[in-house]
Every structure is written in C-alpha cells, then in structure tokens.
Amino acid sequence: MEDTQRSDMLGQRQVRLEKIEALKKLGVEIYPAKSYKQFHNGEILNNFEKYEGQEVCLAGRVVAWREHGQLLFGNIMDQTGTIQIMVRESELVEDLAKGYLGFDKLTLLDLADFVEVYGIIGKTKTGEISVMVKNIRLLSKALRPIPRKLENKEQIFRRRYLDLVVDRESFEMFKRKAQFWQVQRDLLRSEGFIEVEVPVMEAITGGADARPFVTHHNALNQDFFLRISTELYQKRLIGGGYEKIYTLGPNFRNEGMDDEHLPEFQDIEWYWAYANYRDNMDLVRRLFLEIANKVYGRTKFTTRGHTFDLADEWKELDYTTIIKERFDIDIFNDSDEKMLKVIEDNHIEMGGEVNRNRLIDTLWKAIRATISGPAFLVNQPKFVSPLAKSHQDNPELTERFQVIIAGSELGNGYSEINDPQDQLDRFLEQQALRESGDDEAQMLDIDFVEMLEYGMPPTSGYGQSERIFWFLEDVSGREGIFFPPMRIEVENTTKEIYKDKVKFKETVKKEEKK
C-alpha cells in the first residue's frame, strides 16, 4: 500500500514536470514574479451587486476542476474564500507572450496550481457567483498534488501548510488567533499603554520559576539565556519613566511539553505605574470579556471538561483558606511531613524537588483542577511569590492574583516590589533554593536591585500567554500553534526524489518502553 502510494506521488510529480517542459516550449513563464490581482475573492462574494458585470482580475489556488466539453468550471481559493470560474472555449483569449493560455492548453494546469484569471463577474444558471474568464495565466506550478486530508496529527504538525489548505477550519482558527492578539493590543492602546521591546537573550534571566535555554554569544564569549519572562526589563523601563507599557512576543522555557505547555510560546505582559493589583484585576476582567465578544461573539465556553461564562461574577479564592478548607493544612504552621502524607493519602502526583514550596503548590494544584471559574486566586504567601509586594496589613501574604479558568492558571499579576532591600531578600531566598538543586528557582539579578535603588514608582504588572487561546478553542498547545517543535524527519518520497542531490541523515526512532 505504502509503495503504491509513493509510486503514485512520484508518477504524478513526473507528469507535472513534463507539463512544465511543455509550457516552457510554448514560451510561458512558469513562476512569474508579479500578479495583477485586484481583489480578494471574499470582496466579490460579499459584494456581488457592486461588482456584477465588471471586469476584474482575481488569483488563487486551483482547488476544483470540472470539464464539460467546450465549457470548464473550476474553483480558485485565496485567503478569503473560494470563488467559481467559468471558462467557455469561444470566449477564452490566448496570448502566450503574456502567459494567457488557450482552451486547448488548459490541460497543462493541475489542481494546486496558482492561477490568475481576468473576466466578468456574473452568476451561472444555478445562481453561483462566478468569474466568466477571458484570460487565464499560470502563476505557480505545483509539483505535488494536495492530499484530500492528512492522516494524523503528526502529519498536520509537520506539514501545517497542507493542513491549512485541506482543513478550512484550521485556517480560520489561526485567523482568530491573530484577532485574539489584536484585540488585546487595541484595548491596551485605548487604555494608554505603549508597546516596547526588551531583550530575548539575557545575561541573567528571571521573572518566573522556570528552567531556561542556554546559548552562547561568540563576540562577547559569554553564555546567555533565552528569556523566560519580560518582567525585569519592563520594570527597568518603568524605573526609566514610562508609566504604561507592554510587550507581545515569545518566551522560552526549557521544560517538558504537554497539552498546556510548550517550550516556546507567545506572551503578552504589561506594567502599569501608580496602579496596584486591584486595578489590574479590573483591567484583566474587561480584557477577557473583550476577547470573548470581539473574537467569538459569546462569553460562554466549554473546554477541558469545564464550562464557564466570562460574563459571570469572578469569584475571589483565598489561597491559604482554600487549602485549609480542602485538606485541613495550615501552610504556615503545619510540617512538611504532614503535607506529604496528605498528598500521598489523596494519591496526588508531585514532580520535581520535594521542598516546602512545591508541597504547598501541589496541594493548591489539586484543588485548582476542580475549579471551572472564572475566578481570581488571591492572597498567596510571600514565600511562593518572590516578586510580589506584601500586604500592608499582613506581610506574610502578597498582593498577587492569578486568573483561574477551567482548572488552570491562565494569567498572573502583582503589585510589584519597589523596595530594593525587600527585593534583594526575596532574590537571596530564591538563590538559596537554586543552589540547593531547584533549577527552576529564580536567579539573583543584582543589576535589577540596583535599578530599584534609583527608585521605581508603585507599579502593577500582569502577564498571560496564548494558553488562553488554546483554552477558548479547546485545543492542545501543539494544535494551537502553527509549527510545534518536533524531531527532524524527512519524508520517504522526498528522500527518493532528491537522493542523488542531497545526503540525508538516517533518523533512528527510540523504541518505546513497554
């Protein structure tokens, strides 16, 4: 079966190569640099009355082709949709010098080719909006046919460009993703925020508990880290006088992959001078509603087995109280041994180094998995929030909030520390954890402490990633990005085609443990 399919692909490719040679002999340019396309297909389809009877030039990929004697119907697809073309032998004008193919030359075209058509907008007898073609020109010859569908997710991830062609819903989902980010940019701009850039490579990385990727800067002869957060550099800019700023771009964390986590992900993060975490909670709630209404036209969603309505009241969950109520654990006074016993008795999985912070976090995550939200988690203790300002009336708790939706944390905000001595003490606590073996603990950034000594106003920061989009779409992380990270693998057909020109390394797949 596989050999037959490979032979079919190679055979079809060879036929297309022969058609290229035939077109060259006719003097037709196979891959011209310019198209004279005037409109998107969607413009014509949505405004037929405006364009009826007009001559237009459209272009797109051929996705259907039906011959009926001296009449030919086809469909060409562009970013905005698919429009029918109708080619009548008596009306098609050939001019090979300009690349215009005559009716008898149309056999040199194939499905998946890109073409340009010039003709009059009208409707067929069946009422379908169509281009009555006078000229048709090849823009790009496809050497391989487009499959009807991709067999599995691995093929989808490796050849997303094919997935976007054969699965229109996938194409539309990623258009929604672009809108998802644009809505956030628009709201922040309307609130007076400006977009700033900060380094992707950092000599010292921080702003989150995560293991970084390490790279080497040859000119400086020094190792750098790919950023895990934009926090510390944005706060340097707040110290420099900006009051409302944000970044939108990639962060990198050298950790495992699952449905909710990828090592590279897009993140939006902002910092707001003269505001506290309560101000940001209000902005975040409005932002979620803006995304829901403008991207989806609704506020109710079902994902990961949870149903929630973003228009509902956002409840506040007290970190200390909810753990006490659910597991009878006092996170300030109970022993590590008692916590570990509760975790074991409740059959809760815990990864990483066993320390007090991770024990408490494991208890919380077991509770979080049951919460549909929308809700805010508040009053986290200082020892699990090294960058958040303490409450004035209770220094053991912090002015931090997290967005809780569908059993997960989908956003994180603080009233930021601007006391340099307090920040140094928090960094030193984290550094001690790091030196004891916790490679996700934060690094000591003394330059950041120095900046705080020059003064930073009261500030609140917040960040959220594209995980929110994955949740609203109810897809996994790998399904929700164009090109997820994968091991290099070359398709057998490609190896066969280029075996005389390219040396391919053999990839050996590890056997799965039984």
Protein backbone atom coordinates (compact mmCIF):
# COMPACT_ATOMS: atom_id res chain seq x y z
CA MET A 1 0.00 0.00 0.00
CA GLU A 2 2.71 2.45 1.01
CA ASP A 3 4.86 1.61 -2.04
CA THR A 4 1.88 2.10 -4.35
CA GLN A 5 1.12 5.50 -2.81
CA ARG A 6 4.73 6.56 -3.15
CA SER A 7 4.73 5.45 -6.77
CA ASP A 8 1.53 7.43 -7.39
CA MET A 9 3.08 10.56 -5.90
CA LEU A 10 6.27 10.16 -7.88
CA GLY A 11 4.30 9.43 -11.03
CA GLN A 12 2.07 12.49 -10.64
CA ARG A 13 5.10 14.65 -9.93
CA GLN A 14 6.76 13.39 -13.10
CA VAL A 15 3.64 14.25 -15.16
CA ARG A 16 3.71 17.77 -13.74
CA LEU A 17 7.40 18.14 -14.58
CA GLU A 18 6.61 17.12 -18.15
CA LYS A 19 3.88 19.77 -18.26
CA ILE A 20 6.42 22.35 -17.15
CA GLU A 21 8.64 21.41 -20.08
CA ALA A 22 5.68 21.70 -22.46
CA LEU A 23 4.84 25.17 -21.07
CA LYS A 24 8.46 26.26 -21.45
CA LYS A 25 8.41 25.23 -25.11
CA LEU A 26 5.36 27.45 -25.56
CA GLY A 27 7.32 30.32 -24.06
CA VAL A 28 5.14 30.51 -20.95
CA GLU A 29 6.77 31.76 -17.75
CA ILE A 30 6.15 29.09 -15.09
CA TYR A 31 6.84 31.17 -11.99
CA PRO A 32 6.28 34.86 -12.85
CA ALA A 33 7.25 37.41 -10.21
CA LYS A 34 4.14 39.57 -10.41
CA SER A 35 0.39 39.11 -10.34
CA TYR A 36 -2.20 41.73 -11.26
CA LYS A 37 -4.76 40.50 -8.74
CA GLN A 38 -7.18 43.34 -7.87
CA PHE A 39 -9.47 41.94 -5.19
CA HIS A 40 -9.77 39.13 -2.70
CA ASN A 41 -12.39 36.52 -3.53
CA GLY A 42 -14.31 37.42 -0.38
CA GLU A 43 -14.71 41.01 -1.57
CA ILE A 44 -16.51 39.81 -4.70
CA LEU A 45 -18.56 37.15 -2.92
CA ASN A 46 -19.73 39.55 -0.21
CA ASN A 47 -20.46 42.46 -2.52
CA PHE A 48 -21.79 40.83 -5.68
CA GLU A 49 -24.20 43.66 -6.54
CA LYS A 50 -21.31 46.12 -6.53
CA TYR A 51 -19.19 44.08 -8.93
CA GLU A 52 -21.78 42.37 -11.14
CA GLY A 53 -20.91 42.92 -14.79
CA GLN A 54 -17.50 44.37 -14.03
CA GLU A 55 -14.22 43.03 -15.38
CA VAL A 56 -11.84 42.04 -12.59
CA CYS A 57 -8.56 40.22 -12.08
CA LEU A 58 -8.54 37.55 -9.34
CA ALA A 59 -5.97 34.95 -8.35
CA GLY A 60 -5.68 31.89 -6.13
CA ARG A 61 -5.00 28.18 -5.90
CA VAL A 62 -6.96 25.81 -8.14
CA VAL A 63 -8.95 23.51 -5.82
CA ALA A 64 -11.54 22.13 -8.25
CA TRP A 65 -11.64 21.48 -12.00
CA ARG A 66 -14.62 20.15 -13.97
CA GLU A 67 -14.65 19.82 -17.76
CA HIS A 68 -17.88 19.78 -19.81
CA GLY A 69 -16.88 19.71 -23.48
CA GLN A 70 -16.37 23.31 -24.59
CA LEU A 71 -17.14 24.56 -21.09
CA LEU A 72 -14.96 24.27 -18.00
CA PHE A 73 -15.74 25.06 -14.37
CA GLY A 74 -13.15 25.45 -11.64
CA ASN A 75 -12.69 26.91 -8.20
CA ILE A 76 -9.83 29.09 -7.06
CA MET A 77 -9.15 29.70 -3.39
CA ASP A 78 -7.41 32.61 -1.71
CA GLN A 79 -7.15 33.72 1.90
CA THR A 80 -10.73 34.97 2.00
CA GLY A 81 -12.56 32.11 0.31
CA THR A 82 -13.27 30.14 -2.85
CA ILE A 83 -14.85 31.52 -6.00
CA GLN A 84 -16.00 29.67 -9.09
CA ILE A 85 -14.54 30.35 -12.52
CA MET A 86 -16.33 29.51 -15.76
CA VAL A 87 -14.25 29.12 -18.91
CA ARG A 88 -16.01 28.99 -22.31
CA GLU A 89 -13.80 27.88 -25.22
CA SER A 90 -15.20 30.54 -27.54
CA GLU A 91 -14.54 33.37 -25.09
CA LEU A 92 -11.07 32.45 -23.79
CA VAL A 93 -8.33 34.57 -25.40
CA GLU A 94 -4.88 33.04 -25.88
CA ASP A 95 -1.76 35.21 -25.81
CA LEU A 96 1.23 33.04 -24.91
CA ALA A 97 3.60 36.02 -24.93
CA LYS A 98 1.64 37.36 -21.96
CA GLY A 99 1.21 33.91 -20.45
CA TYR A 100 -2.50 33.65 -21.34
CA LEU A 101 -3.36 30.02 -22.05
CA GLY A 102 -5.80 28.95 -24.75
CA PHE A 103 -8.56 26.46 -24.08
CA ASP A 104 -6.57 23.55 -25.52
CA LYS A 105 -3.61 24.45 -23.25
CA LEU A 106 -5.60 24.24 -20.02
CA THR A 107 -4.71 20.53 -19.76
CA LEU A 108 -1.27 21.79 -18.76
CA LEU A 109 -2.79 23.10 -15.50
CA ASP A 110 -3.34 20.94 -12.41
CA LEU A 111 -5.11 21.08 -9.11
CA ALA A 112 -2.99 23.01 -6.57
CA ASP A 113 -1.52 25.33 -9.25
CA PHE A 114 -1.85 29.06 -8.61
CA VAL A 115 -3.52 30.94 -11.45
CA GLU A 116 -4.67 34.43 -12.29
CA VAL A 117 -7.98 34.94 -14.08
CA TYR A 118 -9.37 38.01 -15.82
CA GLY A 119 -13.05 38.18 -16.63
CA ILE A 120 -16.54 39.44 -15.91
CA ILE A 121 -18.36 38.88 -12.61
CA GLY A 122 -21.74 37.22 -13.01
CA LYS A 123 -23.84 34.25 -11.98
CA THR A 124 -24.26 30.87 -13.64
CA LYS A 125 -27.65 29.33 -14.40
CA THR A 126 -27.54 27.69 -10.96
CA GLY A 127 -27.10 31.12 -9.34
CA GLU A 128 -23.45 30.70 -8.27
CA ILE A 129 -21.29 33.80 -8.30
CA SER A 130 -18.56 33.23 -10.90
CA VAL A 131 -15.85 34.82 -12.99
CA MET A 132 -16.61 34.45 -16.72
CA VAL A 133 -13.00 34.07 -17.74
CA LYS A 134 -11.44 35.86 -20.73
CA ASN A 135 -7.78 35.22 -19.78
CA ILE A 136 -6.11 32.69 -17.52
CA ARG A 137 -2.44 32.79 -16.58
CA LEU A 138 -0.27 30.39 -14.59
CA LEU A 139 1.35 31.98 -11.53
CA SER A 140 2.97 28.95 -9.93
CA LYS A 141 3.13 25.27 -10.87
CA ALA A 142 2.62 22.81 -8.01
CA LEU A 143 4.79 19.72 -8.45
CA ARG A 144 2.85 17.69 -5.88
CA PRO A 145 -0.92 17.21 -5.58
CA ILE A 146 -2.61 18.33 -2.38
CA PRO A 147 -3.92 15.35 -0.35
CA ARG A 148 -7.62 15.22 0.45
CA LYS A 149 -6.78 15.07 4.14
CA LEU A 150 -3.81 14.45 6.43
CA GLU A 151 -3.79 11.08 8.13
CA ASN A 152 -2.78 12.03 11.67
CA LYS A 153 -1.72 14.85 13.97
CA GLU A 154 1.97 14.30 13.33
CA GLN A 155 1.43 14.95 9.62
CA ILE A 156 -0.62 18.02 10.48
CA PHE A 157 2.13 19.42 12.71
CA ARG A 158 4.94 18.64 10.26
CA ARG A 159 3.10 19.98 7.22
CA ARG A 160 0.92 22.72 8.61
CA TYR A 161 0.98 24.39 5.19
CA LEU A 162 -1.02 21.43 3.85
CA ASP A 163 -3.35 21.35 6.85
CA LEU A 164 -4.25 24.99 6.19
CA VAL A 165 -5.21 24.13 2.61
CA VAL A 166 -7.23 20.97 3.25
CA ASP A 167 -8.85 21.98 6.56
CA ARG A 168 -10.53 25.36 6.31
CA GLU A 169 -11.47 25.32 9.99
CA SER A 170 -7.78 25.11 10.88
CA PHE A 171 -7.14 28.09 8.61
CA GLU A 172 -9.94 30.07 10.25
CA MET A 173 -8.76 29.16 13.75
CA PHE A 174 -5.40 30.78 13.15
CA LYS A 175 -7.12 33.86 11.76
CA ARG A 176 -8.97 34.03 15.07
CA LYS A 177 -5.64 33.75 16.84
CA ALA A 178 -4.39 36.84 15.04
CA GLN A 179 -7.56 38.63 16.09
CA PHE A 180 -7.08 37.34 19.66
CA TRP A 181 -3.78 39.23 19.88
CA GLN A 182 -5.05 42.29 18.01
CA VAL A 183 -7.98 42.74 20.40
CA GLN A 184 -5.54 42.81 23.32
CA ARG A 185 -3.27 45.30 21.60
CA ASP A 186 -6.24 47.51 20.77
CA LEU A 187 -7.60 47.53 24.32
CA LEU A 188 -4.21 48.28 25.87
CA ARG A 189 -3.62 51.08 23.38
CA SER A 190 -7.03 52.54 24.21
CA GLU A 191 -6.01 52.46 27.88
CA GLY A 192 -2.84 54.47 27.15
CA PHE A 193 -0.28 51.63 27.03
CA ILE A 194 2.58 51.69 24.54
CA GLU A 195 4.34 48.63 23.12
CA VAL A 196 8.03 48.26 23.93
CA GLU A 197 10.76 45.78 23.05
CA VAL A 198 13.05 44.08 25.56
CA PRO A 199 15.91 41.59 25.07
CA VAL A 200 15.26 37.99 24.08
CA MET A 201 18.78 36.99 25.15
CA GLU A 202 19.58 37.84 28.77
CA ALA A 203 22.78 37.52 30.79
CA ILE A 204 20.60 36.83 33.85
CA THR A 205 17.07 35.62 33.33
CA GLY A 206 14.14 35.90 35.71
CA GLY A 207 10.54 36.88 36.24
CA ALA A 208 9.26 33.31 36.54
CA ASP A 209 10.10 29.92 38.03
CA ALA A 210 11.41 28.03 35.01
CA ARG A 211 14.46 26.31 33.52
CA PRO A 212 15.94 28.49 30.75
CA PHE A 213 17.50 27.64 27.41
CA VAL A 214 21.20 28.48 27.29
CA THR A 215 23.02 29.85 24.24
CA HIS A 216 26.49 31.30 23.69
CA HIS A 217 27.35 34.76 22.42
CA ASN A 218 30.58 34.36 20.45
CA ALA A 219 31.50 38.05 20.23
CA LEU A 220 31.16 38.54 23.99
CA ASN A 221 32.36 34.99 24.76
CA GLN A 222 29.61 34.64 27.32
CA ASP A 223 26.63 32.39 27.85
CA PHE A 224 23.20 33.97 27.60
CA PHE A 225 19.70 32.74 28.43
CA LEU A 226 16.62 32.95 26.24
CA ARG A 227 14.17 34.96 28.27
CA ILE A 228 11.58 33.15 30.37
CA SER A 229 9.69 36.40 31.00
CA THR A 230 9.86 40.07 30.02
CA GLU A 231 9.25 41.25 33.57
CA LEU A 232 12.57 42.51 34.87
CA TYR A 233 13.44 44.55 31.78
CA GLN A 234 9.98 46.08 31.56
CA LYS A 235 10.24 47.17 35.19
CA ARG A 236 13.59 48.77 34.36
CA LEU A 237 11.67 50.86 31.81
CA ILE A 238 9.12 51.81 34.47
CA GLY A 239 12.08 52.97 36.54
CA GLY A 240 13.14 54.99 33.50
CA GLY A 241 9.90 56.95 33.44
CA TYR A 242 7.41 55.04 31.28
CA GLU A 243 4.07 54.54 33.03
CA LYS A 244 2.03 52.13 30.87
CA ILE A 245 3.96 49.64 28.73
CA TYR A 246 3.56 46.14 27.34
CA THR A 247 5.39 43.55 25.25
CA LEU A 248 3.98 40.88 22.97
CA GLY A 249 6.34 38.17 21.82
CA PRO A 250 7.92 34.79 22.52
CA ASN A 251 9.19 33.45 25.82
CA PHE A 252 11.20 30.24 26.18
CA ARG A 253 11.24 27.62 28.95
CA ASN A 254 13.37 24.51 28.64
CA GLU A 255 10.84 22.14 30.12
CA GLY A 256 8.59 19.30 29.05
CA MET A 257 5.75 19.53 26.54
CA ASP A 258 2.13 18.67 27.21
CA ASP A 259 -1.31 19.85 26.10
CA GLU A 260 -0.91 23.11 28.03
CA HIS A 261 2.83 23.83 27.90
CA LEU A 262 5.34 24.33 25.10
CA PRO A 263 9.00 25.39 25.36
CA GLU A 264 8.32 28.42 23.13
CA PHE A 265 5.11 30.39 23.49
CA GLN A 266 3.70 33.84 22.76
CA ASP A 267 3.01 36.01 25.76
CA ILE A 268 1.63 39.47 26.43
CA GLU A 269 2.84 41.22 29.57
CA TRP A 270 2.27 44.74 30.81
CA TYR A 271 3.33 47.09 33.62
CA TRP A 272 1.27 49.96 34.95
CA ALA A 273 2.83 52.64 37.16
CA TYR A 274 0.82 54.17 40.01
CA ALA A 275 -1.56 51.19 39.99
CA ASN A 276 -1.90 48.15 42.24
CA TYR A 277 -3.06 44.60 41.68
CA ARG A 278 -6.71 45.53 42.23
CA ASP A 279 -6.56 47.99 39.34
CA ASN A 280 -5.11 45.27 37.15
CA MET A 281 -7.76 42.75 38.17
CA ASP A 282 -10.40 45.07 36.81
CA LEU A 283 -8.48 45.58 33.54
CA VAL A 284 -7.93 41.83 33.13
CA ARG A 285 -11.62 41.04 33.62
CA ARG A 286 -12.51 43.60 30.96
CA LEU A 287 -9.84 42.23 28.63
CA PHE A 288 -11.22 38.68 28.82
CA LEU A 289 -14.71 39.94 28.01
CA GLU A 290 -13.31 41.97 25.11
CA ILE A 291 -11.62 38.87 23.67
CA ALA A 292 -14.76 36.76 24.13
CA ASN A 293 -17.10 39.25 22.49
CA LYS A 294 -14.91 40.50 19.66
CA VAL A 295 -13.23 37.24 18.64
CA TYR A 296 -16.07 34.77 19.38
CA GLY A 297 -19.24 36.80 19.81
CA ARG A 298 -20.07 34.93 23.02
CA THR A 299 -18.92 34.67 26.63
CA LYS A 300 -19.76 31.04 27.46
CA PHE A 301 -17.21 28.32 26.67
CA THR A 302 -16.63 24.62 27.30
CA THR A 303 -13.08 23.31 27.44
CA ARG A 304 -11.08 20.59 29.21
CA GLY A 305 -14.29 19.24 30.70
CA HIS A 306 -15.19 22.60 32.26
CA THR A 307 -17.94 25.06 31.30
CA PHE A 308 -17.65 28.72 32.29
CA ASP A 309 -19.14 32.09 31.41
CA LEU A 310 -16.75 35.04 31.37
CA ALA A 311 -19.68 37.40 31.95
CA ASP A 312 -20.34 35.79 35.36
CA GLU A 313 -19.06 37.27 38.60
CA TRP A 314 -15.37 36.47 39.02
CA LYS A 315 -15.08 34.93 42.48
CA GLU A 316 -12.06 35.55 44.67
CA LEU A 317 -10.37 32.46 46.14
CA ASP A 318 -8.13 32.91 49.18
CA TYR A 319 -5.01 30.75 48.77
CA THR A 320 -4.48 29.94 52.44
CA THR A 321 -8.16 29.46 53.25
CA ILE A 322 -8.99 27.15 50.35
CA ILE A 323 -6.09 24.79 51.17
CA LYS A 324 -7.16 24.76 54.82
CA GLU A 325 -10.78 24.02 53.92
CA ARG A 326 -9.98 21.31 51.38
CA PHE A 327 -7.08 19.47 53.06
CA ASP A 328 -7.00 20.79 56.65
CA ILE A 329 -3.46 22.07 56.05
CA ASP A 330 -2.14 25.28 57.62
CA ILE A 331 0.55 26.25 55.11
CA PHE A 332 2.33 28.47 57.64
CA ASN A 333 2.48 26.14 60.62
CA ASP A 334 1.97 22.51 59.55
CA SER A 335 5.03 20.35 58.92
CA ASP A 336 6.34 19.17 55.55
CA GLU A 337 5.70 15.62 56.72
CA LYS A 338 2.02 16.31 57.31
CA MET A 339 1.68 17.85 53.86
CA LEU A 340 3.47 14.94 52.21
CA LYS A 341 1.17 12.48 53.98
CA VAL A 342 -1.93 14.36 52.75
CA ILE A 343 -0.53 14.30 49.21
CA GLU A 344 0.14 10.56 49.41
CA ASP A 345 -3.20 9.76 51.07
CA ASN A 346 -5.03 11.63 48.31
CA HIS A 347 -2.94 10.00 45.57
CA ILE A 348 -1.79 13.37 44.23
CA GLU A 349 1.14 13.34 41.82
CA MET A 350 4.05 15.65 42.61
CA GLY A 351 7.02 16.30 40.33
CA GLY A 352 10.38 17.99 40.88
CA GLU A 353 12.36 18.53 44.04
CA VAL A 354 10.50 17.89 47.30
CA ASN A 355 10.60 21.15 49.24
CA ARG A 356 8.04 23.14 51.20
CA ASN A 357 7.09 25.44 48.34
CA ARG A 358 6.47 22.53 46.00
CA LEU A 359 4.44 20.62 48.60
CA ILE A 360 2.13 23.59 49.07
CA ASP A 361 1.90 24.24 45.35
CA THR A 362 0.99 20.59 44.75
CA LEU A 363 -1.90 20.85 47.21
CA TRP A 364 -3.15 24.00 45.53
CA LYS A 365 -2.95 22.49 42.03
CA ALA A 366 -5.05 19.53 43.13
CA ILE A 367 -7.75 22.00 44.21
CA ARG A 368 -7.34 24.16 41.11
CA ALA A 369 -8.11 21.23 38.81
CA THR A 370 -11.69 21.19 40.15
CA ILE A 371 -12.42 24.90 39.60
CA SER A 372 -14.17 25.99 36.38
CA GLY A 373 -14.11 29.71 37.12
CA PRO A 374 -13.84 32.41 36.14
CA ALA A 375 -12.10 33.29 39.38
CA PHE A 376 -9.15 35.14 40.83
CA LEU A 377 -6.76 33.42 43.23
CA VAL A 378 -5.55 35.99 45.79
CA ASN A 379 -3.51 36.26 48.99
CA GLN A 380 -0.65 33.96 48.06
CA PRO A 381 2.09 33.74 50.71
CA LYS A 382 5.33 35.64 50.23
CA PHE A 383 7.46 32.51 50.07
CA VAL A 384 5.79 31.36 46.83
CA SER A 385 5.64 34.85 45.28
CA PRO A 386 9.18 36.25 45.23
CA LEU A 387 8.35 39.25 43.02
CA ALA A 388 5.03 40.39 44.57
CA LYS A 389 4.61 43.17 47.11
CA SER A 390 3.44 42.13 50.58
CA HIS A 391 0.09 43.18 52.00
CA GLN A 392 0.47 46.17 54.29
CA ASP A 393 -1.73 44.61 56.97
CA ASN A 394 -0.22 41.10 56.67
CA PRO A 395 3.41 40.94 55.43
CA GLU A 396 3.20 37.14 55.08
CA LEU A 397 0.73 37.50 52.18
CA THR A 398 1.25 39.18 48.84
CA GLU A 399 -0.72 41.45 46.54
CA ARG A 400 -0.83 38.89 43.77
CA PHE A 401 -3.68 37.47 41.69
CA GLN A 402 -3.99 34.66 39.19
CA VAL A 403 -6.75 34.03 36.68
CA ILE A 404 -8.34 30.60 37.30
CA ILE A 405 -10.34 29.14 34.43
CA ALA A 406 -11.09 25.51 33.50
CA GLY A 407 -8.85 24.06 36.20
CA SER A 408 -5.79 26.06 35.23
CA GLU A 409 -3.94 29.32 35.91
CA LEU A 410 -4.28 31.47 32.80
CA GLY A 411 -2.81 34.75 33.96
CA ASN A 412 -0.61 36.18 36.70
CA GLY A 413 -0.46 39.68 38.18
CA TYR A 414 1.13 41.54 41.09
CA SER A 415 1.57 44.73 42.91
CA GLU A 416 5.29 44.86 42.20
CA ILE A 417 8.06 45.15 44.77
CA ASN A 418 9.78 48.54 44.59
CA ASP A 419 11.68 48.29 47.87
CA PRO A 420 15.23 47.30 46.82
CA GLN A 421 16.08 45.69 50.17
CA ASP A 422 12.89 43.62 50.19
CA GLN A 423 13.57 42.54 46.59
CA LEU A 424 17.15 41.56 47.43
CA ASP A 425 15.97 39.43 50.34
CA ARG A 426 13.47 37.63 48.04
CA PHE A 427 16.17 37.06 45.42
CA LEU A 428 18.54 35.65 48.02
CA GLU A 429 15.86 33.21 49.20
CA GLN A 430 15.38 32.08 45.60
CA GLN A 431 19.12 31.84 45.03
CA ALA A 432 19.41 29.58 48.06
CA LEU A 433 16.76 27.27 46.60
CA ARG A 434 18.61 27.31 43.29
CA GLU A 435 21.91 26.40 44.93
CA SER A 436 20.22 23.56 46.79
CA GLY A 437 19.23 21.96 43.48
CA ASP A 438 16.00 23.67 42.37
CA ASP A 439 16.97 24.77 38.84
CA GLU A 440 13.57 26.43 38.36
CA ALA A 441 14.16 28.88 41.22
CA GLN A 442 14.93 32.44 40.18
CA MET A 443 18.41 33.87 39.73
CA LEU A 444 19.83 36.76 41.73
CA ASP A 445 19.72 39.84 39.49
CA ILE A 446 21.76 42.44 41.35
CA ASP A 447 21.53 44.89 38.44
CA PHE A 448 17.75 44.91 38.88
CA VAL A 449 18.18 45.63 42.61
CA GLU A 450 20.48 48.50 41.64
CA MET A 451 17.75 49.92 39.39
CA LEU A 452 15.30 49.80 42.29
CA GLU A 453 17.74 51.80 44.42
CA TYR A 454 17.35 54.66 41.94
CA GLY A 455 13.60 54.46 42.51
CA MET A 456 10.57 52.85 40.85
CA PRO A 457 7.00 54.12 41.47
CA PRO A 458 4.21 51.87 42.78
CA THR A 459 3.55 49.50 39.88
CA SER A 460 1.33 46.58 38.98
CA GLY A 461 2.24 44.03 36.33
CA TYR A 462 0.35 41.24 34.59
CA GLY A 463 1.11 38.59 32.00
CA GLN A 464 -0.86 35.99 30.06
CA SER A 465 0.10 33.65 27.25
CA GLU A 466 -1.51 32.06 24.22
CA ARG A 467 -2.72 29.24 26.50
CA ILE A 468 -5.85 31.34 26.88
CA PHE A 469 -6.45 30.98 23.15
CA TRP A 470 -5.89 27.21 23.33
CA PHE A 471 -8.45 27.00 26.13
CA LEU A 472 -11.06 29.12 24.36
CA GLU A 473 -10.63 26.98 21.22
CA ASP A 474 -10.44 23.76 23.30
CA VAL A 475 -7.29 22.59 21.50
CA SER A 476 -3.91 21.42 22.74
CA GLY A 477 -0.86 23.65 22.63
CA ARG A 478 0.57 21.87 19.59
CA GLU A 479 -2.75 22.19 17.78
CA GLY A 480 -2.91 25.87 18.67
CA ILE A 481 0.41 26.98 17.13
CA PHE A 482 1.46 26.83 13.50
CA PHE A 483 4.70 24.88 13.87
CA PRO A 484 5.22 22.96 17.14
CA PRO A 485 8.74 21.71 17.95
CA MET A 486 9.38 18.21 16.59
CA ARG A 487 12.30 15.95 15.85
CA ILE A 488 13.67 16.37 12.34
CA GLU A 489 12.26 13.85 9.93
CA VAL A 490 12.36 13.78 6.11
CA GLU A 491 9.51 12.12 4.21
CA ASN A 492 10.49 9.00 2.24
CA THR A 493 9.15 10.46 -1.02
CA THR A 494 11.39 13.48 -0.60
CA LYS A 495 14.38 11.24 0.07
CA GLU A 496 13.63 9.30 -3.09
CA ILE A 497 13.25 12.42 -5.23
CA TYR A 498 16.45 14.10 -4.05
CA LYS A 499 18.63 11.08 -3.25
CA ASP A 500 21.13 11.97 -5.98
CA LYS A 501 21.46 15.59 -4.85
CA VAL A 502 21.11 15.59 -1.07
CA LYS A 503 22.70 13.45 1.62
CA PHE A 504 20.11 12.55 4.23
CA LYS A 505 20.97 11.53 7.75
CA GLU A 506 19.23 8.41 8.96
CA THR A 507 16.89 9.12 11.84
CA VAL A 508 16.57 6.32 14.34
CA LYS A 509 13.43 6.35 16.46
CA LYS A 510 13.86 5.24 20.02
CA GLU A 511 11.86 2.18 20.94
CA GLU A 512 9.05 2.90 23.34
CA LYS A 513 9.44 1.43 26.77
CA LYS A 514 6.99 -1.35 27.33
